[in-house]
Amino acid sequence: MVRTVITPNKQIISFEIPQSYVGKEIEVIAFTKDEGINTDQSAKKKVSFTALSFDTRNYKFNRDEANER
């Protein structure tokens, strides 16, 4: 894997790839560093599991039955 960070000074750029990549399908992705994941939005996201509710009253766990094969 080759990962390089550059600051282009014109719209067209070129780069060399390793000899072992020749003849293989490769993927090239270009994005600016500030286009990454916005941590403010992901930190504000709240997850709730209230949609699932089980009535566990009068439930007795049987360890031997759970470990049976």
N, C-alpha and C. Protein backbone atom coordinates (compact mmCIF):
# COMPACT_ATOMS: atom_id res chain seq x y z
N MET A 1 0.85 -1.17 0.00
CA MET A 1 0.00 0.00 0.00
C MET A 1 0.89 1.23 0.00
N VAL A 2 0.51 2.20 -0.78
CA VAL A 2 1.23 3.46 -0.85
C VAL A 2 0.27 4.56 -0.44
N ARG A 3 0.66 5.37 0.52
CA ARG A 3 -0.17 6.50 0.94
C ARG A 3 0.72 7.73 0.98
N THR A 4 0.29 8.77 0.29
CA THR A 4 1.08 9.99 0.20
C THR A 4 0.16 11.20 0.35
N VAL A 5 0.61 12.19 1.08
CA VAL A 5 -0.12 13.44 1.20
C VAL A 5 0.66 14.49 0.42
N ILE A 6 -0.01 15.16 -0.51
CA ILE A 6 0.65 16.19 -1.32
C ILE A 6 -0.19 17.46 -1.30
N THR A 7 0.44 18.58 -1.65
CA THR A 7 -0.25 19.85 -1.85
C THR A 7 0.02 20.26 -3.30
N PRO A 8 -0.94 20.00 -4.20
CA PRO A 8 -0.68 20.31 -5.61
C PRO A 8 -0.66 21.82 -5.85
N ASN A 9 0.16 22.25 -6.81
CA ASN A 9 0.21 23.66 -7.18
C ASN A 9 -0.42 23.90 -8.55
N LYS A 10 -1.00 22.85 -9.13
CA LYS A 10 -1.75 22.97 -10.38
C LYS A 10 -2.82 21.88 -10.39
N GLN A 11 -3.72 21.93 -11.34
CA GLN A 11 -4.86 21.01 -11.36
C GLN A 11 -4.49 19.60 -11.78
N ILE A 12 -3.45 19.42 -12.52
CA ILE A 12 -3.04 18.10 -13.00
C ILE A 12 -1.83 17.63 -12.19
N ILE A 13 -1.89 16.39 -11.68
CA ILE A 13 -0.76 15.80 -10.97
C ILE A 13 -0.47 14.42 -11.56
N SER A 14 0.74 13.94 -11.37
CA SER A 14 1.10 12.57 -11.78
C SER A 14 2.01 12.00 -10.71
N PHE A 15 2.05 10.68 -10.62
CA PHE A 15 2.89 10.03 -9.63
C PHE A 15 3.27 8.65 -10.12
N GLU A 16 4.33 8.13 -9.58
CA GLU A 16 4.79 6.80 -9.94
C GLU A 16 4.22 5.78 -8.97
N ILE A 17 4.01 4.57 -9.47
CA ILE A 17 3.54 3.48 -8.63
C ILE A 17 4.62 2.41 -8.57
N PRO A 18 4.59 1.57 -7.55
CA PRO A 18 5.59 0.49 -7.46
C PRO A 18 5.47 -0.48 -8.64
N GLN A 19 6.55 -1.10 -9.02
CA GLN A 19 6.57 -2.05 -10.13
C GLN A 19 5.59 -3.19 -9.89
N SER A 20 5.41 -3.58 -8.63
CA SER A 20 4.51 -4.70 -8.32
C SER A 20 3.04 -4.37 -8.58
N TYR A 21 2.72 -3.08 -8.75
CA TYR A 21 1.34 -2.67 -9.04
C TYR A 21 1.02 -2.72 -10.53
N VAL A 22 2.04 -2.78 -11.37
CA VAL A 22 1.84 -2.76 -12.81
C VAL A 22 1.05 -4.00 -13.23
N GLY A 23 0.00 -3.80 -14.00
CA GLY A 23 -0.83 -4.89 -14.47
C GLY A 23 -1.94 -5.27 -13.51
N LYS A 24 -1.99 -4.63 -12.36
CA LYS A 24 -3.03 -4.93 -11.38
C LYS A 24 -4.01 -3.77 -11.31
N GLU A 25 -5.22 -4.06 -10.89
CA GLU A 25 -6.22 -3.02 -10.71
C GLU A 25 -5.92 -2.27 -9.40
N ILE A 26 -5.80 -0.96 -9.48
CA ILE A 26 -5.55 -0.15 -8.29
C ILE A 26 -6.66 0.89 -8.15
N GLU A 27 -6.78 1.45 -6.98
CA GLU A 27 -7.79 2.47 -6.71
C GLU A 27 -7.08 3.73 -6.24
N VAL A 28 -7.45 4.85 -6.83
CA VAL A 28 -6.88 6.14 -6.46
C VAL A 28 -8.03 7.00 -5.94
N ILE A 29 -7.86 7.53 -4.74
CA ILE A 29 -8.88 8.37 -4.11
C ILE A 29 -8.26 9.72 -3.80
N ALA A 30 -8.96 10.80 -4.13
CA ALA A 30 -8.46 12.14 -3.83
C ALA A 30 -9.52 12.90 -3.03
N PHE A 31 -9.12 13.42 -1.89
CA PHE A 31 -9.99 14.27 -1.09
C PHE A 31 -9.12 15.18 -0.25
N THR A 32 -9.68 16.30 0.17
CA THR A 32 -8.91 17.22 0.99
C THR A 32 -8.92 16.72 2.43
N LYS A 33 -7.90 17.09 3.20
CA LYS A 33 -7.77 16.61 4.58
C LYS A 33 -8.96 17.03 5.43
N ASP A 34 -9.57 18.19 5.14
CA ASP A 34 -10.70 18.64 5.94
C ASP A 34 -12.03 18.01 5.51
N GLU A 35 -12.01 17.13 4.51
CA GLU A 35 -13.21 16.41 4.09
C GLU A 35 -13.40 15.13 4.89
N GLY A 36 -12.59 14.90 5.90
CA GLY A 36 -12.68 13.68 6.69
C GLY A 36 -13.96 13.64 7.51
N ILE A 37 -14.05 12.66 8.39
CA ILE A 37 -15.24 12.49 9.22
C ILE A 37 -15.35 13.66 10.18
N ASN A 38 -16.53 14.24 10.25
CA ASN A 38 -16.79 15.34 11.16
C ASN A 38 -17.05 14.77 12.54
N THR A 39 -16.11 14.92 13.45
CA THR A 39 -16.24 14.32 14.78
C THR A 39 -17.32 14.99 15.61
N ASP A 40 -17.65 16.25 15.33
CA ASP A 40 -18.71 16.92 16.08
C ASP A 40 -20.05 16.26 15.84
N GLN A 41 -20.36 15.88 14.60
CA GLN A 41 -21.63 15.24 14.30
C GLN A 41 -21.71 13.85 14.89
N SER A 42 -20.63 13.08 14.81
CA SER A 42 -20.67 11.72 15.33
C SER A 42 -20.72 11.72 16.85
N ALA A 43 -20.16 12.73 17.51
CA ALA A 43 -20.19 12.79 18.97
C ALA A 43 -21.59 13.14 19.48
N LYS A 44 -22.35 13.90 18.72
CA LYS A 44 -23.69 14.32 19.13
C LYS A 44 -24.73 13.23 18.91
N LYS A 45 -24.42 12.24 18.12
CA LYS A 45 -25.37 11.18 17.78
C LYS A 45 -25.62 10.31 19.01
N LYS A 46 -26.86 10.19 19.41
CA LYS A 46 -27.24 9.38 20.56
C LYS A 46 -27.90 8.10 20.06
N VAL A 47 -27.57 7.01 20.69
CA VAL A 47 -28.14 5.72 20.32
C VAL A 47 -29.06 5.28 21.44
N SER A 48 -30.24 4.83 21.05
CA SER A 48 -31.21 4.40 22.05
C SER A 48 -31.71 3.00 21.69
N PHE A 49 -31.80 2.16 22.69
CA PHE A 49 -32.30 0.80 22.50
C PHE A 49 -33.68 0.64 23.15
N THR A 50 -34.44 1.71 23.25
CA THR A 50 -35.74 1.64 23.90
C THR A 50 -36.78 0.91 23.05
N ALA A 51 -36.50 0.68 21.78
CA ALA A 51 -37.45 -0.01 20.92
C ALA A 51 -37.58 -1.48 21.33
N LEU A 52 -36.56 -2.03 21.97
CA LEU A 52 -36.60 -3.41 22.42
C LEU A 52 -36.87 -3.44 23.92
N SER A 53 -37.93 -4.11 24.29
CA SER A 53 -38.17 -4.26 25.73
C SER A 53 -38.69 -5.66 25.98
N PHE A 54 -38.16 -6.27 27.00
CA PHE A 54 -38.54 -7.62 27.36
C PHE A 54 -39.00 -7.63 28.80
N ASP A 55 -40.03 -8.39 29.06
CA ASP A 55 -40.52 -8.55 30.43
C ASP A 55 -39.75 -9.70 31.05
N THR A 56 -38.86 -9.40 31.97
CA THR A 56 -38.03 -10.43 32.60
C THR A 56 -38.49 -10.77 34.01
N ARG A 57 -39.66 -10.31 34.38
CA ARG A 57 -40.19 -10.68 35.71
C ARG A 57 -40.46 -12.18 35.74
N ASN A 58 -40.18 -12.79 36.83
CA ASN A 58 -40.37 -14.23 37.04
C ASN A 58 -39.50 -15.09 36.12
N TYR A 59 -38.42 -14.52 35.58
CA TYR A 59 -37.50 -15.28 34.74
C TYR A 59 -36.41 -15.87 35.61
N LYS A 60 -36.14 -17.16 35.44
CA LYS A 60 -35.09 -17.84 36.19
C LYS A 60 -34.08 -18.37 35.19
N PHE A 61 -32.82 -18.02 35.39
CA PHE A 61 -31.75 -18.47 34.51
C PHE A 61 -31.26 -19.83 34.98
N ASN A 62 -31.25 -20.80 34.08
CA ASN A 62 -30.78 -22.14 34.39
C ASN A 62 -29.42 -22.33 33.71
N ARG A 63 -28.36 -22.22 34.47
CA ARG A 63 -27.01 -22.30 33.92
C ARG A 63 -26.74 -23.67 33.30
N ASP A 64 -27.21 -24.74 33.93
CA ASP A 64 -26.97 -26.08 33.38
C ASP A 64 -27.66 -26.24 32.03
N GLU A 65 -28.87 -25.75 31.90
CA GLU A 65 -29.59 -25.85 30.64
C GLU A 65 -28.90 -25.01 29.56
N ALA A 66 -28.37 -23.85 29.92
CA ALA A 66 -27.69 -22.99 28.95
C ALA A 66 -26.40 -23.61 28.46
N ASN A 67 -25.73 -24.41 29.29
CA ASN A 67 -24.47 -25.02 28.92
C ASN A 67 -24.60 -26.41 28.30
N GLU A 68 -25.81 -26.91 28.17
CA GLU A 68 -26.01 -28.21 27.53
C GLU A 68 -25.61 -28.15 26.07
N ARG A 69 -25.14 -29.28 25.57
CA ARG A 69 -24.77 -29.33 24.15
C ARG A 69 -25.69 -30.22 23.41
